Amino acid sequence: RIRASGWIIFLLVMAAAFWLYRLVKVLCSLLSYWEIRTFYIKALNIPSEELCNYSWQEVQARLISLQRQQQMCVHKRELTELDIYHRILRFKNYMVAMVNKSLLPVRFHLPLLGSIVFLTQGLKYNLELLLFWGPGSLFQNKWSLRPQCKRAGARRELARRL
């Protein structure tokens, strides 16, 4: 019966593609977690069994000390706690700033409730894809803006292209 129904075959292929996509995503996450674990063990000299005993402040102190020794972050000689937070929360900070400046369409006026902020997961995903991950994103990698995004004169052209 399955071979006779094209609709069922199509649904099975779509389900297989979805599960394959999820498997690739899980494998990429595992590789990322392995890299983080290796960084903690080798660079910060924190054994994996001791990691749960360290506070965030102790990890930050080790990062700052490592920056002084090895210059991991090339654009700054001294790394501060605020720099570390900004690096970790970079994309979230951009999204918050765009909402605060009313650049993203997340405020709606409802007749009886007034003005509300509403951002669905789908809209958030699409905005992140456009601004941070996609081929036309503002960033050339996870850490730095594209050079043309830094020039004030190119803003209109970039906005038009976006």
Protein backbone atom coordinates (compact mmCIF):
# COMPACT_ATOMS: atom_id res chain seq x y z
CA ARG A 1 0.00 0.00 0.00
CA ILE A 2 2.82 2.42 0.82
CA ARG A 3 4.32 2.10 -2.67
CA ALA A 4 0.98 2.85 -4.24
CA SER A 5 0.46 6.11 -2.37
CA GLY A 6 2.69 8.98 -3.47
CA TRP A 7 1.42 11.10 -0.60
CA ILE A 8 2.63 8.64 2.05
CA ILE A 9 6.01 8.31 0.32
CA PHE A 10 6.31 12.09 0.24
CA LEU A 11 5.50 12.33 3.95
CA LEU A 12 8.01 9.59 4.79
CA VAL A 13 10.72 11.35 2.77
CA MET A 14 9.93 14.65 4.52
CA ALA A 15 10.07 12.95 7.94
CA ALA A 16 13.39 11.30 7.05
CA ALA A 17 14.80 14.65 5.87
CA PHE A 18 13.65 16.30 9.11
CA TRP A 19 15.25 13.60 11.27
CA LEU A 20 18.44 13.74 9.21
CA TYR A 21 18.55 17.51 9.70
CA ARG A 22 18.05 17.08 13.46
CA LEU A 23 20.80 14.43 13.56
CA VAL A 24 23.26 16.76 11.80
CA LYS A 25 22.29 19.55 14.19
CA VAL A 26 22.88 17.32 17.23
CA LEU A 27 26.26 16.21 15.85
CA CYS A 28 27.28 19.84 15.28
CA SER A 29 26.23 20.68 18.84
CA LEU A 30 28.22 17.74 20.20
CA LEU A 31 31.32 18.90 18.29
CA SER A 32 30.85 22.40 19.67
CA TYR A 33 30.49 21.05 23.21
CA TRP A 34 33.61 18.93 22.71
CA GLU A 35 35.59 22.03 21.63
CA ILE A 36 34.36 23.93 24.70
CA ARG A 37 35.29 21.01 26.96
CA THR A 38 38.76 20.83 25.40
CA PHE A 39 39.20 24.58 25.88
CA TYR A 40 38.30 24.30 29.57
CA ILE A 41 40.64 21.37 30.09
CA LYS A 42 43.66 22.46 28.04
CA ALA A 43 43.59 26.26 27.97
CA LEU A 44 42.00 27.06 31.32
CA ASN A 45 43.48 24.04 33.14
CA ILE A 46 40.14 23.07 34.65
CA PRO A 47 39.64 19.29 34.78
CA SER A 48 36.17 18.20 33.61
CA GLU A 49 35.40 16.50 36.93
CA GLU A 50 36.22 19.74 38.78
CA LEU A 51 34.27 22.05 36.48
CA CYS A 52 31.09 21.92 38.56
CA ASN A 53 33.07 23.21 41.57
CA TYR A 54 34.21 26.41 39.84
CA SER A 55 32.21 29.61 40.00
CA TRP A 56 31.71 31.80 36.94
CA GLN A 57 33.96 34.44 38.51
CA GLU A 58 36.81 31.92 38.80
CA VAL A 59 36.39 30.90 35.16
CA GLN A 60 36.39 34.57 34.14
CA ALA A 61 39.56 35.18 36.16
CA ARG A 62 41.25 32.31 34.33
CA LEU A 63 40.10 33.70 30.96
CA ILE A 64 41.49 37.13 31.79
CA SER A 65 44.76 35.57 32.95
CA LEU A 66 44.96 33.49 29.77
CA GLN A 67 44.37 36.63 27.67
CA ARG A 68 47.37 38.30 29.33
CA GLN A 69 49.56 35.28 28.56
CA GLN A 70 48.42 34.26 25.07
CA GLN A 71 46.50 37.19 23.54
CA MET A 72 43.48 35.14 22.38
CA CYS A 73 41.47 38.28 21.66
CA VAL A 74 43.60 40.22 19.18
CA HIS A 75 41.73 43.50 19.09
CA LYS A 76 42.23 44.19 22.82
CA ARG A 77 45.30 43.76 24.95
CA GLU A 78 43.41 43.65 28.26
CA LEU A 79 40.18 41.67 28.55
CA THR A 80 37.60 42.64 31.17
CA GLU A 81 34.57 40.87 32.62
CA LEU A 82 32.33 43.19 30.59
CA ASP A 83 34.14 42.20 27.37
CA ILE A 84 33.47 38.54 28.14
CA TYR A 85 29.76 39.19 28.76
CA HIS A 86 29.49 41.23 25.56
CA ARG A 87 31.16 38.47 23.57
CA ILE A 88 28.84 35.79 24.96
CA LEU A 89 25.66 37.85 24.61
CA ARG A 90 26.58 39.67 21.38
CA PHE A 91 23.66 38.57 19.20
CA LYS A 92 21.13 38.86 22.03
CA ASN A 93 22.37 42.39 22.73
CA TYR A 94 21.86 43.34 19.07
CA MET A 95 18.30 41.97 19.14
CA VAL A 96 17.49 43.81 22.39
CA ALA A 97 18.94 47.05 21.02
CA MET A 98 16.91 46.75 17.80
CA VAL A 99 13.71 46.16 19.79
CA ASN A 100 14.50 49.09 22.11
CA LYS A 101 15.07 51.41 19.13
CA SER A 102 11.84 50.14 17.48
CA LEU A 103 13.75 48.81 14.45
CA LEU A 104 12.03 45.42 14.62
CA PRO A 105 8.27 45.05 14.10
CA VAL A 106 7.42 43.51 17.48
CA ARG A 107 5.12 46.16 18.96
CA PHE A 108 1.43 45.88 18.16
CA HIS A 109 -1.52 47.98 19.24
CA LEU A 110 -4.51 45.91 20.31
CA PRO A 111 -7.83 47.73 20.75
CA LEU A 112 -8.56 46.91 24.40
CA LEU A 113 -5.11 45.96 25.63
CA GLY A 114 -3.08 48.81 24.18
CA SER A 115 0.49 48.43 22.97
CA ILE A 116 2.07 44.99 23.45
CA VAL A 117 5.35 43.40 22.45
CA PHE A 118 4.95 40.10 20.62
CA LEU A 119 7.79 38.12 19.04
CA THR A 120 7.04 34.60 17.88
CA GLN A 121 9.76 31.97 17.72
CA GLY A 122 9.33 31.80 13.95
CA LEU A 123 9.79 35.56 13.51
CA LYS A 124 12.76 35.52 15.89
CA TYR A 125 14.37 32.66 13.94
CA ASN A 126 13.84 34.43 10.62
CA LEU A 127 15.28 37.70 11.94
CA GLU A 128 18.33 35.89 13.32
CA LEU A 129 18.77 34.08 10.01
CA LEU A 130 18.64 37.36 8.09
CA LEU A 131 20.80 39.40 10.43
CA PHE A 132 23.31 36.95 11.91
CA TRP A 133 23.55 33.58 10.16
CA GLY A 134 22.43 33.85 6.54
CA PRO A 135 24.49 34.67 3.45
CA GLY A 136 23.55 38.36 3.63
CA SER A 137 24.18 38.67 7.37
CA LEU A 138 25.97 41.56 9.02
CA PHE A 139 28.72 39.32 10.39
CA GLN A 140 31.51 37.63 8.45
CA ASN A 141 31.96 35.10 11.27
CA LYS A 142 30.73 34.72 14.84
CA TRP A 143 32.95 37.51 16.12
CA SER A 144 33.29 40.37 13.65
CA LEU A 145 31.16 42.58 11.47
CA ARG A 146 31.69 42.71 7.73
CA PRO A 147 33.90 45.68 6.78
CA GLN A 148 31.16 47.30 4.64
CA CYS A 149 28.83 47.28 7.67
CA LYS A 150 31.26 49.44 9.62
CA ARG A 151 31.17 52.33 7.13
CA ALA A 152 28.47 54.89 7.81
CA GLY A 153 28.20 55.79 4.11
CA ALA A 154 27.21 52.26 3.13
CA ARG A 155 24.18 52.01 5.43
CA ARG A 156 21.52 52.93 2.86
CA GLU A 157 22.89 50.45 0.31
CA LEU A 158 23.08 47.69 2.94
CA ALA A 159 19.53 48.42 4.13
CA ARG A 160 18.25 48.39 0.53
CA ARG A 161 19.98 45.08 -0.15
CA LEU A 162 18.64 43.57 3.07
